[in-house]
Structure formats: C-alpha cells, structure tokens
Amino acid sequence: MAPKDQEAAIGGQRKRERHPGLAVRIWAAGAVRRALRERRALDEALQLSAPKMPMSDADRSLARAIAMVTFRRFGTIRRVLAERLSQGEWPDAGMLREAVQTATAQILFLDIPDHAAVDVAIELCKQDPQARHFSKLANAVLRRVAAEKEHILGHPVEGEDSPAWMLERWRMAYGAAAAQAIAAQHALPPSIDLTLFSPEAASALGDRVEALPTGSFRLRSDEPVTALPGFAEGHFQVQDAASAMPARLFGDLRGLKVLDLCAAPGGKTAQLIHAGGIVTAVERSAQRAERLRENLRRLNMDAEIRIMDAMAVEDGPYDAVLLDAPCSATGTIRRHPEIAWTKTLADILALAVQQKRILAHAARLVRPGGLLVYATCSLEPEEGEHQVARFLEGNKEFHNVPVQGQEFVLASEAVNPDGFLRLLPSTMADIGGVDGFFAARLRRLA
C-alpha cells in the first residue's frame, strides 16, 4: 500500500473509531439517495450502497431499519425538517438531505440515542465535500428536532406519509375512510405470514403462529423464519396472506396442466404444485428464475421452469393459467415503503398498457372450459378492476366467475360487487392487515 493510501486508511479507521456506526449511517443514507434519485427498489439500493469493508449482520439490519423507517415516515420527516428551515427547502448539496432525513428518522422513530444520531449525521456531512458547508445548519436543525421530539410526535398530520396524489386516488377508488385506513396501515411494520404445505407444520409451529381466516398463518414469534421447525424440511413458505389468495381461486388442480406466468419468486408456483397441478413456471429474469428454483428445491417441489418473456409462450392450451402481472406494487408499500416515493402516475399508466397485452396473450393459452386468474399486488384500479372489465368487454368467449362467500371467510370484506377479489392493506387491520391485492377468476367458454 502506498504511503498516502496507508495514511488515508489509518485516518478513516480513526474516524470510524471516534464515530461508531458512521459506516452504517453512510450506508443507509446512500441507499435512500439511490432509491430516490435512481428510482430503485430499496433492497437493490442497499446492495449497491454497501460498504466495501466487512459488516456484521447487526450492522446490515440497522442500515436497513434506518432506510426503511425513513421511507415509511418520509412525509412526516420532510415536513418536520422544512418547518425548521427559514427557506423551507434543504440545499441540494451532496449527502446533506439524506444525512438529515435518516438522522431525523432515527431521532423520531427508532430506539437510538438522539445525541448519537445527531453526532454521526454531522460527521457524515463533514466528510462530504459538498455537504460539509452546511454541517452547522444540519446540527442546529437536528438538535432542534431532538429537543422538540415529544411535541412533534404528539401532533401528527393525518395521511402525510402517503404522497398526496396517491392518497387522492385511493379516496376516489375506495372512499375517504378506506383511503385513510390504508395510509394508517402503511405507517406500521408488516406481519410475517406463512403458507403451510404439511399437515404436521401447524402442530410443529404451535403457538408461534396464529391461524388466519384466509387459510394462512401469521407468525407471532420473534425467531428468524429459517430457525422455525419445518423450514429446512420445506413444510412452509413465507407468503403474505393476500398474496396466497389468488392461487387458491383455482381449487383442486390434480392432474391439470397449469401455466404460471411471471412466476418468480415462486410462492404461487408452489401453491399450484401443492394443489396438484402439473406446473410450467415462466420467468423472464434468469436471476429471479434461479431464486424460484431454489425456493422449490427447499420445498421439495418440481416444476418446468422456462426463462423467457411471457409474451413468447406459444404452447398449450392449458387447463389453468395464472397471470400475476408486472405492476406498480402499490399494494406492497407496507413492505417496500420506497414505492410510495419512487412510483409515478406515468408508471401506473404504462404498466396498465403492458398488462393489457400480457392478459390478452395469456387468454389465448387457456383451453375452452379452462380458468384464467389475473392478479396484481396493486391498489390502482387501472391495474385491476378496470383492466379486467375492459378485457371482458372485448373478449366475449370469457366470463367472470365471481368469488363466492363459502370460498373465503373474508368474502364480504374482500370481494367487490363484481365478484373480484380486492384486498386492501387495511383488510384484517385488527390483527395487522395484509398486502393490497387484486384478483379476478375468468373462465373460457369457447
């Protein structure tokens, strides 16, 4: 190592020793910056922003927790910071904004000493060539946030952690009360749900889980999922209760030829196999297809996996086709809060066009008398109700097979007047809610 490089490395090590947790805060702030400015998924942004030095599992968990709560409470954080600036807007100076945003998230919403959050954020600013000019401003504002924390938390602004344009769309689609309930649910960490594939799994898990009316089980234990009895043996998979419902619309699939389009990471594929289907799973991404393959291997299940675009599938016909279409994923904001701040209306409309094409193609792969289930993890009607209504208008050989009350205990709450499955994050809010999901079951007549 050259003398200058060695000196820089020693200096960097000394700074880290004086400011424990600095690397983690830089990591979290960098991930928030990448997610916002490059419109990336937060998990991808965290991966790209990871320090080159080895980091412990605890450090990784802390970096992710800081970034997650920053996005989960992003509206509140922006307001709180703007109210304490004379100009109301932070300068665009290197990592300044992200440093103060992630520090505010720690002060207000994480169990981290205020002084530690402030001190490390200021050191982060000082190390940034552009942000260092505003380190005194950042210090003054963050110390004021810490001093006024009790007042800030005692006077929340309803709905501010959802973008106004999204909240207005949910009001128009579901009503003011439902929109507010959705926003409230998004502010809370999601539960972990399991889909069980073995009769022995529930008894082995015991009081670690709670049975849900949807047929899924909700984890009550703090143990890592991988440490639960039956995980290594493939007796269950992690799958939100809402995500598990569309595949169940097919019922018994024993001996039937089933096509799962856009299949990764494979949760629904596994359900279709468990229901008896002879499954072909299609996924265009080789990386995601490998994850699907790994999941099925752990579950001791087998499917034909094709790495290709859904629009390129030409064989068939199939007895059953599941299309879990690419979508804006606004139904998963509880789990991926950055979506609220990285998606736009243009994204939703563009995805609706793509969904229309894939749905039309999927329909051609269904045999007469066969079933097609169209699903999206979106709260947007353009990607759900409107999409299917337009499809049925232009495809008279298909008709809607409404979801019936006896199929799901939640039918009265989760089925709309057309018989489509419509789950909101506030569905089952009394026990933690679910992801937002839409599904329609269609039968081909000829």
Protein backbone atom coordinates (compact mmCIF):
# COMPACT_ATOMS: atom_id res chain seq x y z
CA MET A 1 0.00 0.00 0.00
CA ALA A 2 1.38 3.44 -0.94
CA PRO A 3 2.16 5.79 1.97
CA LYS A 4 -0.68 8.19 1.07
CA ASP A 5 -3.18 5.33 0.77
CA GLN A 6 -1.96 3.87 4.07
CA GLU A 7 -2.32 7.25 5.76
CA ALA A 8 -5.87 7.65 4.37
CA ALA A 9 -6.83 4.16 5.55
CA ILE A 10 -5.49 4.84 9.04
CA GLY A 11 -7.30 8.19 9.13
CA GLY A 12 -10.54 6.54 8.03
CA GLN A 13 -10.19 3.87 10.69
CA ARG A 14 -9.60 6.51 13.38
CA LYS A 15 -12.71 8.44 12.29
CA ARG A 16 -14.79 5.25 12.47
CA GLU A 17 -13.47 4.58 15.96
CA ARG A 18 -14.39 8.12 17.08
CA HIS A 19 -17.81 7.79 15.49
CA PRO A 20 -19.07 4.21 15.90
CA GLY A 21 -21.87 3.47 13.49
CA LEU A 22 -20.70 6.01 10.92
CA ALA A 23 -20.31 3.41 8.16
CA VAL A 24 -23.82 2.11 8.83
CA ARG A 25 -25.30 5.65 8.62
CA ILE A 26 -23.42 6.37 5.41
CA TRP A 27 -24.77 3.10 4.04
CA ALA A 28 -28.37 3.92 4.98
CA ALA A 29 -28.20 7.49 3.69
CA GLY A 30 -26.59 6.34 0.46
CA ALA A 31 -29.32 3.75 -0.10
CA VAL A 32 -32.06 6.33 0.48
CA ARG A 33 -30.35 8.63 -2.01
CA ARG A 34 -30.05 5.93 -4.68
CA ALA A 35 -33.61 4.72 -4.21
CA LEU A 36 -35.00 8.25 -4.62
CA ARG A 37 -32.75 9.61 -7.32
CA GLU A 38 -32.35 6.44 -9.38
CA ARG A 39 -35.86 5.15 -8.60
CA ARG A 40 -34.54 1.82 -7.43
CA ALA A 41 -36.04 -0.74 -5.08
CA LEU A 42 -34.65 -0.15 -1.59
CA ASP A 43 -33.17 -3.64 -1.29
CA GLU A 44 -31.29 -3.09 -4.54
CA ALA A 45 -30.16 0.37 -3.39
CA LEU A 46 -28.88 -1.10 -0.12
CA GLN A 47 -26.94 -3.72 -2.01
CA LEU A 48 -25.38 -1.16 -4.35
CA SER A 49 -24.53 1.21 -1.47
CA ALA A 50 -22.99 -1.42 0.81
CA PRO A 51 -19.58 -0.54 2.26
CA LYS A 52 -16.56 -2.39 0.91
CA MET A 53 -15.47 -3.26 4.46
CA PRO A 54 -16.98 -6.33 6.17
CA MET A 55 -20.21 -5.54 8.01
CA SER A 56 -21.88 -7.60 10.72
CA ASP A 57 -25.46 -8.90 10.48
CA ALA A 58 -26.39 -6.36 13.16
CA ASP A 59 -24.95 -3.54 11.04
CA ARG A 60 -26.86 -4.77 8.00
CA SER A 61 -30.09 -4.92 9.97
CA LEU A 62 -29.56 -1.42 11.36
CA ALA A 63 -28.80 0.10 7.94
CA ARG A 64 -31.95 -1.46 6.53
CA ALA A 65 -34.07 -0.40 9.51
CA ILE A 66 -32.91 3.22 9.18
CA ALA A 67 -33.61 3.31 5.44
CA MET A 68 -36.98 1.58 5.83
CA VAL A 69 -38.32 3.91 8.52
CA THR A 70 -37.04 6.92 6.58
CA PHE A 71 -39.30 5.96 3.69
CA ARG A 72 -42.15 4.72 5.88
CA ARG A 73 -42.35 8.14 7.57
CA PHE A 74 -40.95 10.20 4.70
CA GLY A 75 -43.80 12.72 4.57
CA THR A 76 -43.50 13.47 8.28
CA ILE A 77 -39.71 13.73 8.08
CA ARG A 78 -39.80 16.17 5.17
CA ARG A 79 -42.39 18.37 6.91
CA VAL A 80 -40.56 18.40 10.23
CA LEU A 81 -37.31 19.42 8.55
CA ALA A 82 -38.92 22.02 6.28
CA GLU A 83 -40.69 23.67 9.22
CA ARG A 84 -37.34 24.17 10.94
CA LEU A 85 -35.68 25.86 7.98
CA SER A 86 -36.19 29.52 7.18
CA GLN A 87 -36.23 28.72 3.45
CA GLY A 88 -38.27 25.53 3.89
CA GLU A 89 -36.09 23.59 1.44
CA TRP A 90 -32.75 21.90 2.06
CA PRO A 91 -29.89 22.73 -0.34
CA ASP A 92 -29.06 20.01 -2.84
CA ALA A 93 -25.53 19.55 -1.55
CA GLY A 94 -24.08 16.07 -1.73
CA MET A 95 -25.44 13.78 1.01
CA LEU A 96 -26.86 16.64 3.08
CA ARG A 97 -30.56 15.90 2.57
CA GLU A 98 -30.21 12.17 3.07
CA ALA A 99 -28.00 12.65 6.14
CA VAL A 100 -30.56 14.84 7.92
CA GLN A 101 -33.52 12.74 6.74
CA THR A 102 -32.08 9.47 8.04
CA ALA A 103 -30.96 11.18 11.26
CA THR A 104 -34.48 12.54 11.79
CA ALA A 105 -35.88 9.04 11.22
CA GLN A 106 -33.60 7.74 13.98
CA ILE A 107 -34.47 10.57 16.40
CA LEU A 108 -38.23 10.27 15.96
CA PHE A 109 -38.92 6.64 15.15
CA LEU A 110 -36.04 4.39 16.20
CA ASP A 111 -34.70 3.44 19.61
CA ILE A 112 -31.36 5.20 19.07
CA PRO A 113 -29.97 7.87 21.42
CA ASP A 114 -30.65 11.32 19.97
CA HIS A 115 -27.11 12.56 20.50
CA ALA A 116 -25.69 9.55 18.64
CA ALA A 117 -28.00 10.09 15.67
CA VAL A 118 -27.11 13.80 15.52
CA ASP A 119 -23.36 13.46 16.06
CA VAL A 120 -22.91 10.77 13.42
CA ALA A 121 -25.07 12.65 10.90
CA ILE A 122 -22.93 15.77 11.34
CA GLU A 123 -19.75 13.74 10.89
CA LEU A 124 -21.28 12.29 7.72
CA CYS A 125 -21.88 15.84 6.45
CA LYS A 126 -18.36 16.96 7.34
CA GLN A 127 -16.88 14.11 5.32
CA ASP A 128 -18.89 15.06 2.24
CA PRO A 129 -17.14 17.77 0.14
CA GLN A 130 -20.45 19.48 -0.67
CA ALA A 131 -22.47 18.83 2.49
CA ARG A 132 -19.70 19.99 4.86
CA HIS A 133 -20.54 23.65 4.13
CA PHE A 134 -23.96 23.09 5.73
CA SER A 135 -22.90 20.97 8.71
CA LYS A 136 -23.63 23.76 11.22
CA LEU A 137 -27.12 24.20 9.77
CA ALA A 138 -27.73 20.46 9.91
CA ASN A 139 -26.50 20.35 13.51
CA ALA A 140 -28.81 23.19 14.61
CA VAL A 141 -31.89 21.72 12.90
CA LEU A 142 -31.33 18.16 14.13
CA ARG A 143 -30.77 19.30 17.71
CA ARG A 144 -34.00 21.27 17.49
CA VAL A 145 -35.81 18.16 16.20
CA ALA A 146 -34.45 16.19 19.14
CA ALA A 147 -35.48 18.90 21.63
CA GLU A 148 -38.99 19.09 20.16
CA LYS A 149 -39.48 15.35 19.63
CA GLU A 150 -42.29 14.99 22.15
CA HIS A 151 -44.26 17.83 20.57
CA ILE A 152 -43.67 16.52 17.03
CA LEU A 153 -44.82 13.01 17.85
CA GLY A 154 -47.79 14.36 19.79
CA HIS A 155 -49.09 16.33 16.80
CA PRO A 156 -49.11 14.01 13.77
CA VAL A 157 -50.62 15.13 10.46
CA GLU A 158 -53.11 12.57 9.18
CA GLY A 159 -52.12 10.88 5.94
CA GLU A 160 -48.93 12.82 5.34
CA ASP A 161 -46.76 9.73 4.95
CA SER A 162 -48.57 8.90 1.71
CA PRO A 163 -47.99 11.11 -1.34
CA ALA A 164 -51.00 13.40 -1.78
CA TRP A 165 -51.68 12.24 -5.34
CA MET A 166 -51.76 8.58 -4.28
CA LEU A 167 -53.99 9.30 -1.30
CA GLU A 168 -56.43 11.18 -3.53
CA ARG A 169 -56.58 8.25 -5.96
CA TRP A 170 -57.36 5.85 -3.10
CA ARG A 171 -60.09 8.22 -1.88
CA MET A 172 -61.68 8.20 -5.34
CA ALA A 173 -61.42 4.41 -5.64
CA TYR A 174 -62.38 3.27 -2.14
CA GLY A 175 -63.73 6.28 -0.23
CA ALA A 176 -62.18 8.69 2.26
CA ALA A 177 -62.36 6.36 5.28
CA ALA A 178 -60.76 3.44 3.42
CA ALA A 179 -58.02 5.67 1.99
CA GLN A 180 -57.16 6.90 5.46
CA ALA A 181 -57.14 3.34 6.79
CA ILE A 182 -54.75 2.34 4.00
CA ALA A 183 -52.41 5.22 4.87
CA ALA A 184 -52.53 4.33 8.56
CA GLN A 185 -51.61 0.72 7.81
CA HIS A 186 -48.67 1.81 5.66
CA ALA A 187 -47.14 3.52 8.68
CA LEU A 188 -46.87 0.19 10.52
CA PRO A 189 -44.35 -2.62 10.02
CA PRO A 190 -45.96 -5.62 8.28
CA SER A 191 -46.54 -9.01 9.80
CA ILE A 192 -44.90 -12.19 8.51
CA ASP A 193 -47.34 -14.75 7.11
CA LEU A 194 -46.77 -18.39 6.24
CA THR A 195 -48.37 -20.77 3.75
CA LEU A 196 -48.21 -24.31 5.11
CA PHE A 197 -47.74 -27.37 2.89
CA SER A 198 -47.65 -30.10 5.51
CA PRO A 199 -50.43 -31.23 7.89
CA GLU A 200 -47.78 -31.53 10.60
CA ALA A 201 -46.48 -28.00 10.12
CA ALA A 202 -49.17 -26.23 12.16
CA SER A 203 -48.75 -28.53 15.16
CA ALA A 204 -44.95 -28.28 14.95
CA LEU A 205 -45.14 -24.47 14.92
CA GLY A 206 -47.64 -24.47 17.78
CA ASP A 207 -48.27 -21.12 19.41
CA ARG A 208 -45.57 -19.49 17.30
CA VAL A 209 -48.29 -18.87 14.69
CA GLU A 210 -51.90 -17.73 14.56
CA ALA A 211 -54.36 -19.18 12.04
CA LEU A 212 -55.91 -16.54 9.77
CA PRO A 213 -59.39 -16.69 8.20
CA THR A 214 -57.74 -16.67 4.75
CA GLY A 215 -56.05 -20.04 5.31
CA SER A 216 -52.61 -18.57 6.01
CA PHE A 217 -50.81 -18.45 9.35
CA ARG A 218 -49.38 -15.32 10.95
CA LEU A 219 -46.06 -15.54 12.77
CA ARG A 220 -46.20 -14.44 16.40
CA SER A 221 -42.67 -15.49 17.31
CA ASP A 222 -39.58 -13.28 17.09
CA GLU A 223 -37.47 -16.21 15.91
CA PRO A 224 -35.89 -16.00 12.46
CA VAL A 225 -38.07 -17.82 9.93
CA THR A 226 -35.15 -20.03 8.95
CA ALA A 227 -34.91 -21.27 12.55
CA LEU A 228 -38.56 -22.36 12.76
CA PRO A 229 -39.33 -26.09 12.86
CA GLY A 230 -40.16 -27.34 9.39
CA PHE A 231 -38.42 -24.59 7.39
CA ALA A 232 -35.44 -26.68 6.31
CA GLU A 233 -37.77 -29.58 5.53
CA GLY A 234 -39.88 -27.38 3.22
CA HIS A 235 -43.09 -27.60 5.23
CA PHE A 236 -43.98 -23.93 4.69
CA GLN A 237 -43.04 -20.75 2.87
CA VAL A 238 -43.17 -17.06 3.75
CA GLN A 239 -46.05 -15.51 1.82
CA ASP A 240 -48.34 -12.64 2.72
CA ALA A 241 -51.91 -13.77 3.37
CA ALA A 242 -53.19 -11.63 0.48
CA SER A 243 -50.59 -12.95 -1.96
CA ALA A 244 -51.65 -16.50 -1.10
CA MET A 245 -55.29 -15.99 -2.08
CA PRO A 246 -55.21 -15.71 -5.93
CA ALA A 247 -53.75 -19.21 -6.46
CA ARG A 248 -56.47 -20.66 -4.24
CA LEU A 249 -59.12 -19.44 -6.69
CA PHE A 250 -58.36 -22.44 -8.92
CA GLY A 251 -59.34 -25.00 -6.31
CA ASP A 252 -58.33 -28.62 -6.94
CA LEU A 253 -55.75 -28.85 -9.74
CA ARG A 254 -54.92 -32.55 -9.53
CA GLY A 255 -53.64 -33.79 -12.86
CA LEU A 256 -54.30 -30.49 -14.63
CA LYS A 257 -51.84 -28.70 -16.90
CA VAL A 258 -51.09 -25.31 -15.29
CA LEU A 259 -49.16 -22.28 -16.55
CA ASP A 260 -47.74 -19.74 -14.08
CA LEU A 261 -46.68 -16.57 -15.88
CA CYS A 262 -44.27 -14.06 -14.28
CA ALA A 263 -43.69 -16.75 -11.68
CA ALA A 264 -40.71 -15.65 -9.53
CA PRO A 265 -40.07 -15.79 -6.65
CA GLY A 266 -42.31 -18.85 -6.75
CA GLY A 267 -44.77 -18.54 -3.89
CA LYS A 268 -47.80 -19.04 -6.11
CA THR A 269 -45.96 -21.67 -8.16
CA ALA A 270 -45.56 -23.72 -5.00
CA GLN A 271 -49.26 -23.35 -4.19
CA LEU A 272 -50.25 -24.53 -7.67
CA ILE A 273 -47.98 -27.58 -7.34
CA HIS A 274 -49.38 -28.31 -3.86
CA ALA A 275 -52.91 -28.17 -5.32
CA GLY A 276 -51.92 -31.00 -7.68
CA GLY A 277 -51.10 -29.06 -10.84
CA ILE A 278 -48.52 -30.09 -13.42
CA VAL A 279 -46.92 -26.67 -13.49
CA THR A 280 -44.91 -24.78 -16.08
CA ALA A 281 -43.44 -21.64 -14.50
CA VAL A 282 -42.32 -18.80 -16.77
CA GLU A 283 -39.94 -16.04 -15.64
CA ARG A 284 -38.03 -13.68 -17.91
CA SER A 285 -35.22 -12.85 -15.45
CA ALA A 286 -32.56 -15.54 -15.13
CA GLN A 287 -31.62 -14.24 -11.67
CA ARG A 288 -35.21 -14.35 -10.43
CA ALA A 289 -35.73 -17.76 -12.05
CA GLU A 290 -32.79 -19.08 -10.04
CA ARG A 291 -34.44 -17.81 -6.86
CA LEU A 292 -37.65 -19.60 -7.91
CA ARG A 293 -35.66 -22.79 -8.49
CA GLU A 294 -34.00 -22.51 -5.06
CA ASN A 295 -37.35 -21.97 -3.32
CA LEU A 296 -38.91 -25.01 -4.99
CA ARG A 297 -35.83 -27.09 -4.13
CA ARG A 298 -36.23 -26.26 -0.42
CA LEU A 299 -39.94 -27.11 -0.63
CA ASN A 300 -39.16 -30.44 -2.35
CA MET A 301 -41.35 -29.42 -5.28
CA ASP A 302 -40.78 -29.60 -9.00
CA ALA A 303 -41.96 -27.57 -11.97
CA GLU A 304 -40.82 -26.98 -15.52
CA ILE A 305 -39.09 -23.60 -15.34
CA ARG A 306 -38.71 -21.57 -18.52
CA ILE A 307 -36.58 -18.44 -18.65
CA MET A 308 -38.46 -16.39 -21.24
CA ASP A 309 -40.83 -13.49 -21.71
CA ALA A 310 -44.47 -14.27 -21.00
CA MET A 311 -45.38 -12.91 -24.42
CA ALA A 312 -43.16 -15.56 -26.06
CA VAL A 313 -45.09 -18.55 -24.66
CA GLU A 314 -46.91 -20.19 -27.56
CA ASP A 315 -47.69 -23.75 -26.48
CA GLY A 316 -50.76 -25.04 -24.72
CA PRO A 317 -53.63 -24.90 -24.31
CA TYR A 318 -53.53 -25.09 -20.52
CA ASP A 319 -56.28 -26.10 -18.13
CA ALA A 320 -55.38 -23.21 -15.85
CA VAL A 321 -53.31 -20.06 -16.31
CA LEU A 322 -52.20 -17.75 -13.51
CA LEU A 323 -51.01 -14.30 -14.54
CA ASP A 324 -49.54 -12.38 -11.61
CA ALA A 325 -48.82 -9.42 -13.85
CA PRO A 326 -45.99 -6.89 -13.52
CA CYS A 327 -47.46 -3.89 -11.72
CA SER A 328 -46.73 -0.76 -9.69
CA ALA A 329 -46.80 -2.88 -6.49
CA THR A 330 -48.54 -0.11 -4.52
CA GLY A 331 -50.25 -2.85 -2.54
CA THR A 332 -46.89 -3.77 -1.01
CA ILE A 333 -45.97 -0.32 0.34
CA ARG A 334 -46.08 -1.77 3.87
CA ARG A 335 -43.11 -3.96 2.92
CA HIS A 336 -41.50 -1.65 0.38
CA PRO A 337 -42.23 1.90 1.57
CA GLU A 338 -39.95 3.46 -1.03
CA ILE A 339 -42.58 2.60 -3.68
CA ALA A 340 -44.76 5.44 -2.40
CA TRP A 341 -41.99 7.91 -3.25
CA THR A 342 -40.46 6.37 -6.37
CA LYS A 343 -43.54 5.46 -8.44
CA THR A 344 -45.46 7.95 -10.56
CA LEU A 345 -48.82 8.09 -12.28
CA ALA A 346 -46.97 7.66 -15.57
CA ASP A 347 -45.58 4.36 -14.25
CA ILE A 348 -49.07 3.13 -13.41
CA LEU A 349 -50.48 4.03 -16.82
CA ALA A 350 -47.53 2.50 -18.68
CA LEU A 351 -47.83 -0.72 -16.68
CA ALA A 352 -51.56 -0.87 -17.44
CA VAL A 353 -50.75 -0.89 -21.16
CA GLN A 354 -48.25 -3.71 -20.62
CA GLN A 355 -50.74 -5.68 -18.52
CA LYS A 356 -53.37 -5.39 -21.25
CA ARG A 357 -51.03 -7.02 -23.77
CA ILE A 358 -49.94 -9.83 -21.43
CA LEU A 359 -53.52 -10.55 -20.34
CA ALA A 360 -54.67 -10.82 -23.95
CA HIS A 361 -51.81 -13.20 -24.71
CA ALA A 362 -52.40 -15.29 -21.57
CA ALA A 363 -56.06 -15.69 -22.55
CA ARG A 364 -55.05 -17.37 -25.82
CA LEU A 365 -53.22 -20.06 -23.84
CA VAL A 366 -56.33 -21.22 -21.93
CA ARG A 367 -58.29 -24.20 -23.23
CA PRO A 368 -62.07 -23.94 -23.67
CA GLY A 369 -63.58 -24.54 -20.24
CA GLY A 370 -60.30 -23.65 -18.55
CA LEU A 371 -59.65 -20.97 -15.94
CA LEU A 372 -57.58 -17.80 -16.10
CA VAL A 373 -56.72 -15.93 -12.90
CA TYR A 374 -55.39 -12.41 -13.33
CA ALA A 375 -53.74 -10.84 -10.27
CA THR A 376 -51.71 -7.77 -9.30
CA CYS A 377 -50.28 -6.54 -5.99
CA SER A 378 -51.54 -3.04 -6.83
CA LEU A 379 -54.12 -0.73 -5.25
CA GLU A 380 -54.71 1.04 -8.56
CA PRO A 381 -57.99 0.27 -10.39
CA GLU A 382 -56.27 0.70 -13.77
CA GLU A 383 -54.19 -2.35 -12.93
CA GLY A 384 -57.08 -4.36 -11.52
CA GLU A 385 -60.82 -3.75 -11.85
CA HIS A 386 -60.60 -1.55 -14.95
CA GLN A 387 -58.17 -3.91 -16.64
CA VAL A 388 -60.44 -6.93 -16.28
CA ALA A 389 -63.61 -5.01 -17.14
CA ARG A 390 -62.06 -3.88 -20.44
CA PHE A 391 -60.82 -7.40 -21.14
CA LEU A 392 -64.28 -8.91 -20.63
CA GLU A 393 -65.86 -6.28 -22.86
CA GLY A 394 -63.56 -7.23 -25.72
CA ASN A 395 -63.40 -10.99 -25.14
CA LYS A 396 -66.87 -12.48 -25.11
CA GLU A 397 -65.50 -16.03 -25.01
CA PHE A 398 -64.54 -15.36 -21.38
CA HIS A 399 -66.84 -14.72 -18.46
CA ASN A 400 -66.27 -13.76 -14.86
CA VAL A 401 -66.50 -16.50 -12.22
CA PRO A 402 -67.29 -14.48 -9.08
CA VAL A 403 -65.59 -15.37 -5.82
CA GLN A 404 -68.19 -16.92 -3.53
CA GLY A 405 -68.71 -16.44 0.18
CA GLN A 406 -68.00 -20.06 1.01
CA GLU A 407 -64.56 -19.91 -0.62
CA PHE A 408 -63.11 -17.37 1.80
CA VAL A 409 -64.27 -16.37 5.26
CA LEU A 410 -63.36 -12.81 4.30
CA ALA A 411 -65.63 -12.74 1.24
CA SER A 412 -67.90 -9.96 2.50
CA GLU A 413 -64.90 -7.74 3.24
CA ALA A 414 -62.57 -8.74 0.41
CA VAL A 415 -64.88 -9.31 -2.59
CA ASN A 416 -66.27 -6.36 -4.51
CA PRO A 417 -69.75 -6.26 -6.11
CA ASP A 418 -68.40 -7.75 -9.37
CA GLY A 419 -67.07 -10.78 -7.54
CA PHE A 420 -63.44 -9.71 -7.91
CA LEU A 421 -61.07 -10.24 -5.01
CA ARG A 422 -59.97 -6.83 -3.71
CA LEU A 423 -57.81 -6.77 -0.60
CA LEU A 424 -56.62 -3.51 0.95
CA PRO A 425 -53.77 -3.11 3.45
CA SER A 426 -56.49 -2.32 6.00
CA THR A 427 -58.23 -5.67 5.45
CA MET A 428 -57.95 -7.52 8.78
CA ALA A 429 -56.45 -4.34 10.27
CA ASP A 430 -57.36 -5.51 13.77
CA ILE A 431 -54.76 -8.29 13.51
CA GLY A 432 -52.13 -6.47 11.43
CA GLY A 433 -53.56 -6.05 7.92
CA VAL A 434 -52.41 -7.63 4.65
CA ASP A 435 -50.82 -6.53 1.41
CA GLY A 436 -53.06 -4.84 -1.15
CA PHE A 437 -54.04 -7.31 -3.87
CA PHE A 438 -56.47 -7.75 -6.76
CA ALA A 439 -57.53 -10.98 -8.45
CA ALA A 440 -60.22 -11.98 -10.93
CA ARG A 441 -61.17 -15.52 -11.99
CA LEU A 442 -62.28 -15.92 -15.58
CA ARG A 443 -63.48 -18.98 -17.48
CA ARG A 444 -63.05 -19.52 -21.20
CA LEU A 445 -66.32 -20.68 -22.72
CA ALA A 446 -65.09 -21.47 -26.23
